[in-house]
Amino acid sequence: MLEAKIDSFTKLKKIEASLAERYDKLLLENEELHSVSMNGIEIANVIQKIAREREQLSADLADRSLTVKKLVEENRLLQQQLGEIKYENDKLISLTKNITP
């Protein structure tokens, strides 16, 4: 009977050691999973930040595109006005040459 109790106690000690080892492994795995999870959260935050920046850049690009279109149109009008002024200037010079002896 004493031997049976000793055998049972020995088996329980082995089971306890096995469970302690398993616990330590699970604890380490849990820490690793936590670390991976935190990395995933950080990556998600960075992705959200990049998406917001992309939206802002898209809006800025649209504004600049509109500005460029306006400047091109303004340049076209100024070129047209300059052509008209040159034409009028050439007419005045021609008339002045015809008037002066």
Foldseek 3Di string as FASTA:
>chain_A
DVVVVVVVVVVVVVVVVVVVVVVVVVVVVVVVVVVVVVVVVVVVVVVVVVVVVVVVVVVVVVVVVVVVVVVVVVVVVVVVVVVVVVVVVVVVVVVVVVPDD
